[in-house]
Protein backbone atom coordinates (compact mmCIF):
# COMPACT_ATOMS: atom_id res chain seq x y z
CA UNK A 1 0.00 0.00 0.00
CA UNK A 2 1.21 3.50 -0.79
CA UNK A 3 0.98 6.09 1.94
CA UNK A 4 -0.75 9.40 1.32
CA UNK A 5 2.11 11.88 1.17
CA UNK A 6 0.27 15.16 0.81
CA UNK A 7 -2.77 16.89 -0.66
CA UNK A 8 -3.44 20.26 -2.22
CA UNK A 9 -6.68 22.12 -1.63
CA UNK A 10 -7.39 24.68 -4.35
CA UNK A 11 -10.97 25.47 -3.52
CA UNK A 12 -11.27 29.27 -3.45
CA UNK A 13 -9.92 29.66 -6.97
CA UNK A 14 -12.38 27.08 -8.29
CA UNK A 15 -15.64 28.19 -6.71
CA UNK A 16 -16.97 29.65 -9.93
CA UNK A 17 -15.46 27.25 -12.41
CA UNK A 18 -16.99 24.16 -10.87
CA UNK A 19 -20.58 25.28 -10.63
CA UNK A 20 -21.72 23.28 -13.64
CA UNK A 21 -20.60 20.06 -11.94
CA UNK A 22 -22.71 20.53 -8.83
CA UNK A 23 -25.95 18.78 -7.99
CA UNK A 24 -29.21 20.69 -7.57
CA UNK A 25 -29.93 22.67 -4.41
CA UNK A 26 -30.98 20.47 -1.48
CA UNK A 27 -34.61 20.93 -0.61
CA UNK A 28 -34.75 18.99 2.64
CA UNK A 29 -34.95 22.09 4.85
CA UNK A 30 -36.61 24.42 2.37
CA UNK A 31 -34.00 27.13 2.99
CA UNK A 32 -32.41 29.03 0.14
CA UNK A 33 -28.92 27.89 -0.77
CA UNK A 34 -26.74 30.58 -2.33
CA UNK A 35 -23.90 30.09 -4.78
CA UNK A 36 -20.50 31.50 -3.85
CA UNK A 37 -20.73 34.35 -6.32
CA UNK A 38 -24.01 35.52 -4.70
CA UNK A 39 -22.77 35.97 -1.12
CA UNK A 40 -21.12 39.12 0.19
CA UNK A 41 -18.88 37.41 2.74
CA UNK A 42 -17.65 33.88 1.98
CA UNK A 43 -17.67 31.14 4.60
CA UNK A 44 -14.47 30.55 6.55
CA UNK A 45 -13.06 27.42 8.11
CA UNK A 46 -11.96 27.97 11.76
CA UNK A 47 -8.31 29.01 11.58
CA UNK A 48 -8.34 29.71 7.85
CA UNK A 49 -7.31 27.87 4.70
CA UNK A 50 -4.17 26.30 6.14
CA UNK A 51 -6.08 24.90 9.11
CA UNK A 52 -8.55 23.24 6.72
CA UNK A 53 -5.73 21.76 4.66
CA UNK A 54 -4.06 20.39 7.79
CA UNK A 55 -7.33 18.92 9.07
CA UNK A 56 -8.15 17.07 5.86
CA UNK A 57 -4.57 15.93 5.32
CA UNK A 58 -4.14 14.63 8.89
CA UNK A 59 -7.36 12.62 8.80
CA UNK A 60 -6.88 11.26 5.29
CA UNK A 61 -3.24 10.42 5.99
CA UNK A 62 -4.09 8.36 9.05
CA UNK A 63 -6.78 6.31 7.38
CA UNK A 64 -6.11 6.01 3.64
CA UNK A 65 -3.45 4.33 1.51
CA UNK A 66 -3.42 3.97 -2.26
CA UNK A 67 -4.06 0.47 -3.58
CA UNK A 68 -1.12 -1.61 -4.77
CA UNK A 69 -2.92 -2.05 -8.10
CA UNK A 70 -1.52 1.28 -9.23
CA UNK A 71 -4.96 2.91 -9.62
CA UNK A 72 -3.89 6.20 -8.06
CA UNK A 73 -6.77 8.70 -7.80
CA UNK A 74 -6.42 12.07 -9.49
CA UNK A 75 -8.13 15.31 -8.57
CA UNK A 76 -11.31 14.70 -6.59
CA UNK A 77 -13.99 17.38 -6.23
CA UNK A 78 -16.37 17.42 -3.30
CA UNK A 79 -19.41 19.68 -2.94
CA UNK A 80 -21.28 20.51 0.25
CA UNK A 81 -23.56 23.09 1.86
CA UNK A 82 -22.53 25.28 4.79
CA UNK A 83 -25.58 26.36 6.80
CA UNK A 84 -26.21 29.57 8.78
CA UNK A 85 -25.18 27.86 12.03
CA UNK A 86 -21.92 26.66 10.40
CA UNK A 87 -22.69 22.98 10.15
CA UNK A 88 -22.02 21.10 6.90
CA UNK A 89 -24.47 18.86 5.06
CA UNK A 90 -25.25 17.39 1.62
CA UNK A 91 -21.67 16.28 1.04
CA UNK A 92 -21.27 14.76 -2.41
CA UNK A 93 -18.34 13.68 -4.57
CA UNK A 94 -18.97 15.23 -7.98
CA UNK A 95 -15.70 14.09 -9.56
CA UNK A 96 -13.39 11.20 -8.75
CA UNK A 97 -15.69 8.66 -7.14
CA UNK A 98 -14.09 5.59 -5.58
CA UNK A 99 -12.39 4.64 -2.29
CA UNK A 100 -10.51 7.95 -2.09
CA UNK A 101 -13.69 9.93 -2.73
CA UNK A 102 -15.56 7.87 -0.15
CA UNK A 103 -12.89 8.55 2.44
CA UNK A 104 -12.78 12.26 1.61
CA UNK A 105 -16.56 12.42 2.04
CA UNK A 106 -16.25 10.77 5.45
CA UNK A 107 -13.54 13.20 6.60
CA UNK A 108 -15.49 16.25 5.43
CA UNK A 109 -18.45 15.00 7.42
CA UNK A 110 -16.38 15.26 10.62
CA UNK A 111 -15.37 18.90 10.11
CA UNK A 112 -16.09 21.39 12.90
CA UNK A 113 -18.56 24.20 12.31
CA UNK A 114 -17.58 26.93 9.84
CA UNK A 115 -18.07 30.67 10.12
CA UNK A 116 -21.05 31.00 7.75
CA UNK A 117 -21.36 33.13 4.64
CA UNK A 118 -23.41 36.33 4.89
CA UNK A 119 -25.74 38.38 2.72
CA UNK A 120 -26.75 41.85 3.96
CA UNK A 121 -25.04 41.03 7.23
CA UNK A 122 -27.12 37.91 7.89
CA UNK A 123 -25.77 34.33 7.86
CA UNK A 124 -27.00 32.22 4.93
CA UNK A 125 -26.55 28.75 3.48
CA UNK A 126 -24.04 28.49 0.64
CA UNK A 127 -22.89 25.73 -1.65
CA UNK A 128 -19.14 25.16 -1.74
CA UNK A 129 -16.76 23.05 -3.83
CA UNK A 130 -13.51 21.57 -2.59
CA UNK A 131 -11.09 20.14 -5.19
CA UNK A 132 -8.47 17.87 -3.61
CA UNK A 133 -5.30 16.76 -5.38
CA UNK A 134 -3.76 13.73 -3.64
CA UNK A 135 -0.11 12.79 -3.92
CA UNK A 136 1.34 9.49 -2.76
CA UNK A 137 4.72 8.31 -1.59
CA UNK A 138 5.75 5.85 -4.30
CA UNK A 139 9.28 5.30 -3.03
CA UNK A 140 10.43 2.34 -0.98
CA UNK A 141 12.50 2.67 1.04
CA UNK A 142 11.91 6.34 1.78
CA UNK A 143 14.53 8.68 0.33
CA UNK A 144 16.55 10.72 2.79
CA UNK A 145 17.87 14.19 2.01
CA UNK A 146 21.42 12.90 1.71
CA UNK A 147 20.36 10.58 -1.12
CA UNK A 148 19.06 13.37 -3.37
CA UNK A 149 21.40 16.27 -2.56
CA UNK A 150 24.67 16.22 -4.46
CA UNK A 151 27.70 17.94 -2.93
CA UNK A 152 30.34 18.74 -5.56
CA UNK A 153 33.82 20.19 -5.25
CA UNK A 154 34.97 23.27 -7.15
CA UNK A 155 36.86 21.25 -9.78
CA UNK A 156 33.78 19.19 -10.68
CA UNK A 157 31.64 22.31 -10.88
CA UNK A 158 34.14 24.14 -13.10
CA UNK A 159 34.32 21.18 -15.46
CA UNK A 160 30.54 21.19 -15.81
CA UNK A 161 30.48 24.95 -16.39
CA UNK A 162 33.34 24.73 -18.91
CA UNK A 163 31.69 22.01 -20.97
CA UNK A 164 28.28 23.68 -21.03
CA UNK A 165 29.78 27.11 -21.83
CA UNK A 166 31.73 25.66 -24.76
CA UNK A 167 28.58 24.00 -26.05
CA UNK A 168 26.32 27.05 -25.83
CA UNK A 169 28.84 29.67 -26.98
CA UNK A 170 30.34 27.33 -29.60
CA UNK A 171 33.87 27.96 -28.36
CA UNK A 172 36.66 25.44 -27.88
CA UNK A 173 39.03 26.87 -25.27
CA UNK A 174 36.98 28.02 -22.29
CA UNK A 175 38.92 29.52 -19.39
CA UNK A 176 37.53 31.10 -16.17
CA UNK A 177 38.16 34.51 -17.74
CA UNK A 178 35.87 33.75 -20.71
CA UNK A 179 33.36 36.59 -21.04
CA UNK A 180 29.78 35.31 -20.92
CA UNK A 181 28.29 38.81 -20.70
CA UNK A 182 28.96 39.53 -24.38
CA UNK A 183 25.80 37.64 -25.42
CA UNK A 184 22.93 38.00 -22.93
CA UNK A 185 20.71 35.42 -24.63
CA UNK A 186 23.41 32.76 -24.55
CA UNK A 187 24.28 33.75 -20.97
CA UNK A 188 20.65 33.24 -19.98
CA UNK A 189 20.56 29.85 -21.74
CA UNK A 190 23.79 28.86 -20.00
CA UNK A 191 22.44 29.83 -16.58
CA UNK A 192 19.20 27.90 -17.15
CA UNK A 193 21.10 24.77 -18.20
CA UNK A 194 23.43 24.96 -15.20
CA UNK A 195 20.56 25.57 -12.79
CA UNK A 196 19.06 22.24 -13.81
CA UNK A 197 22.42 20.45 -13.84
CA UNK A 198 23.55 21.62 -10.39
CA UNK A 199 20.15 22.04 -8.66
CA UNK A 200 20.71 25.77 -8.08
CA UNK A 201 18.23 28.64 -8.27
CA UNK A 202 19.74 31.86 -9.65
CA UNK A 203 17.73 35.06 -9.77
CA UNK A 204 17.63 37.21 -12.89
CA UNK A 205 19.73 39.81 -11.05
CA UNK A 206 22.31 37.12 -10.22
CA UNK A 207 22.60 36.12 -13.86
CA UNK A 208 22.86 39.70 -15.10
CA UNK A 209 25.72 40.38 -12.67
CA UNK A 210 27.90 37.55 -13.98
CA UNK A 211 30.47 38.61 -16.55
CA UNK A 212 32.79 35.61 -16.80
CA UNK A 213 32.51 31.84 -16.74
CA UNK A 214 34.63 31.67 -13.60
CA UNK A 215 32.21 33.88 -11.65
CA UNK A 216 29.35 31.59 -12.64
CA UNK A 217 31.25 28.54 -11.39
CA UNK A 218 32.10 30.34 -8.12
CA UNK A 219 28.41 31.18 -7.58
CA UNK A 220 27.36 27.57 -8.07
CA UNK A 221 30.06 26.38 -5.68
CA UNK A 222 28.94 28.83 -2.98
CA UNK A 223 25.34 27.76 -3.53
CA UNK A 224 26.31 24.26 -2.33
CA UNK A 225 26.18 25.74 1.18
CA UNK A 226 22.90 27.61 0.70
CA UNK A 227 19.31 26.89 1.71
CA UNK A 228 17.92 23.79 0.01
CA UNK A 229 14.28 23.85 -1.07
CA UNK A 230 12.22 20.82 -2.12
CA UNK A 231 8.98 20.93 -4.09
CA UNK A 232 7.51 17.99 -2.16
CA UNK A 233 7.30 17.00 1.47
CA UNK A 234 9.75 14.49 2.91
CA UNK A 235 12.71 16.17 1.12
CA UNK A 236 11.55 14.97 -2.28
CA UNK A 237 10.65 16.35 -5.67
CA UNK A 238 12.50 19.18 -7.40
CA UNK A 239 15.59 20.37 -5.49
CA UNK A 240 16.94 23.93 -5.60
CA UNK A 241 19.70 25.63 -3.61
CA UNK A 242 19.37 29.35 -2.97
CA UNK A 243 21.84 31.85 -1.48
CA UNK A 244 20.64 35.31 -2.51
CA UNK A 245 17.58 37.42 -1.71
CA UNK A 246 14.49 37.25 -3.91
CA UNK A 247 12.54 40.51 -4.02
CA UNK A 248 9.78 38.93 -6.08
CA UNK A 249 8.94 35.25 -6.59
CA UNK A 250 7.01 35.62 -9.81
CA UNK A 251 6.42 33.24 -12.70
CA UNK A 252 10.00 33.72 -13.92
CA UNK A 253 11.20 30.87 -11.70
CA UNK A 254 13.04 33.02 -9.15
CA UNK A 255 11.59 30.78 -6.42
CA UNK A 256 9.84 27.44 -6.23
CA UNK A 257 6.11 27.86 -6.85
CA UNK A 258 5.34 25.30 -4.13
CA UNK A 259 7.59 24.62 -1.15
CA UNK A 260 7.34 21.13 0.29
CA UNK A 261 10.37 21.02 2.59
CA UNK A 262 13.56 22.97 3.34
CA UNK A 263 17.00 22.51 4.84
CA UNK A 264 18.59 25.69 6.21
CA UNK A 265 22.32 25.20 6.96
CA UNK A 266 23.90 26.43 10.18
CA UNK A 267 24.73 30.11 10.14
CA UNK A 268 21.78 31.25 7.99
CA UNK A 269 18.60 33.07 8.97
CA UNK A 270 15.96 33.08 6.24
CA UNK A 271 12.74 35.10 6.18
CA UNK A 272 9.84 34.25 3.87
CA UNK A 273 7.25 36.92 3.00
CA UNK A 274 3.79 36.44 1.52
CA UNK A 275 4.07 39.64 -0.54
CA UNK A 276 6.74 40.83 -2.98
CA UNK A 277 9.30 43.41 -1.89
CA UNK A 278 9.88 41.82 1.53
CA UNK A 279 6.44 42.88 2.75
CA UNK A 280 3.42 41.26 4.34
CA UNK A 281 3.35 38.39 6.80
CA UNK A 282 6.61 36.70 7.65
CA UNK A 283 7.91 33.24 8.48
CA UNK A 284 11.43 33.05 9.93
CA UNK A 285 13.71 30.00 10.05
CA UNK A 286 16.64 30.85 12.30
CA UNK A 287 19.53 28.42 11.78
CA UNK A 288 22.24 30.72 13.13
CA UNK A 289 23.08 28.21 15.87
CA UNK A 290 22.35 24.90 14.18
CA UNK A 291 20.97 23.45 10.94
CA UNK A 292 17.17 23.41 10.67
CA UNK A 293 15.28 20.81 8.65
CA UNK A 294 11.55 21.13 7.97
CA UNK A 295 10.21 17.96 6.35
CA UNK A 296 6.75 19.32 5.52
CA UNK A 297 5.33 22.78 4.87
CA UNK A 298 1.90 21.17 5.27
CA UNK A 299 2.52 20.57 8.96
CA UNK A 300 4.58 23.52 10.17
CA UNK A 301 5.34 23.79 13.88
CA UNK A 302 5.98 27.38 14.88
CA UNK A 303 8.30 26.86 17.79
CA UNK A 304 12.02 27.09 18.53
CA UNK A 305 13.87 28.31 15.43
CA UNK A 306 10.67 28.58 13.34
CA UNK A 307 8.32 31.52 13.90
CA UNK A 308 5.68 33.47 12.01
CA UNK A 309 3.59 36.60 12.25
CA UNK A 310 0.50 34.70 11.08
CA UNK A 311 -0.05 30.97 11.55
CA UNK A 312 -3.02 30.89 9.16
CA UNK A 313 -0.87 31.65 6.08
CA UNK A 314 -0.44 28.68 3.74
CA UNK A 315 3.33 29.03 3.41
CA UNK A 316 3.59 26.14 0.97
CA UNK A 317 1.89 28.26 -1.68
CA UNK A 318 2.34 31.84 -0.43
CA UNK A 319 6.06 32.64 -0.59
CA UNK A 320 6.43 35.84 -2.64
CA UNK A 321 9.86 37.10 -1.51
CA UNK A 322 12.81 35.73 0.45
CA UNK A 323 15.58 37.42 2.42
CA UNK A 324 18.75 35.86 3.85
CA UNK A 325 20.82 36.87 6.85
CA UNK A 326 24.09 35.27 7.85
CA UNK A 327 25.91 34.96 11.12
């Protein structure tokens, strides 16, 4: 059996798009049931989005494993009604029926009362959709961070940079003094290729500042000692090392879109922000005294070296800028 590794809840962005998949309004109580686009204040799970994600994940994780047959469920969409007193009823699986859907329906039926939606200041019943994307641990035995993180010496890194530079710039004799700034398009292609090869994340500003092949190799070598980010929990998925600030984590790949786990080496203090420009709510990982490893951004514990200004922020999906401090 394959253990449930994590889930993603993307419900608020899909309220409107999923309406055509929903069943008709329940008529058991005779009360009017609004659609999400008709209410003035949407319903809220106690503690916010992240609390809901943690609740569903914890209960599904403890009671559900994927079948060995390989029939892994994809996105499952549940629909339910939240009443004026906050209780939930009429839970239905409108996409992805099967054992996973049955278990999701059971877990949703155990949820605590919500803060209800309102219209003209009065609580009302509203229909809600909840898409769930499951992800399963398919590895056996479980991978440890040391088995996916490569540590390379400066000679090995330079050899990789030299070969790739010669290939992209179509030059034979590449020395550390070779000027890569003379062609910005080729420099950008070189940086992108080396990012993938050495599991390093370079910002656009980093790339623009590099003039010679040797400086690019030096950056990659220093990045070996930087923060390591994983796209999946349990130190799995895409791996990226980062050593410089990110003022904006946009779609240009300056940061991972989803953070599953991190390793912050000793001597580094990293601050995540949920808005660009180092603004908004903050989460701090202080590894100035010792290395800090966080295996899951779905189950963050804000204690000791990890703190936040707002525990309800879904930090797995909300990192918009990053700042580093060093001892």
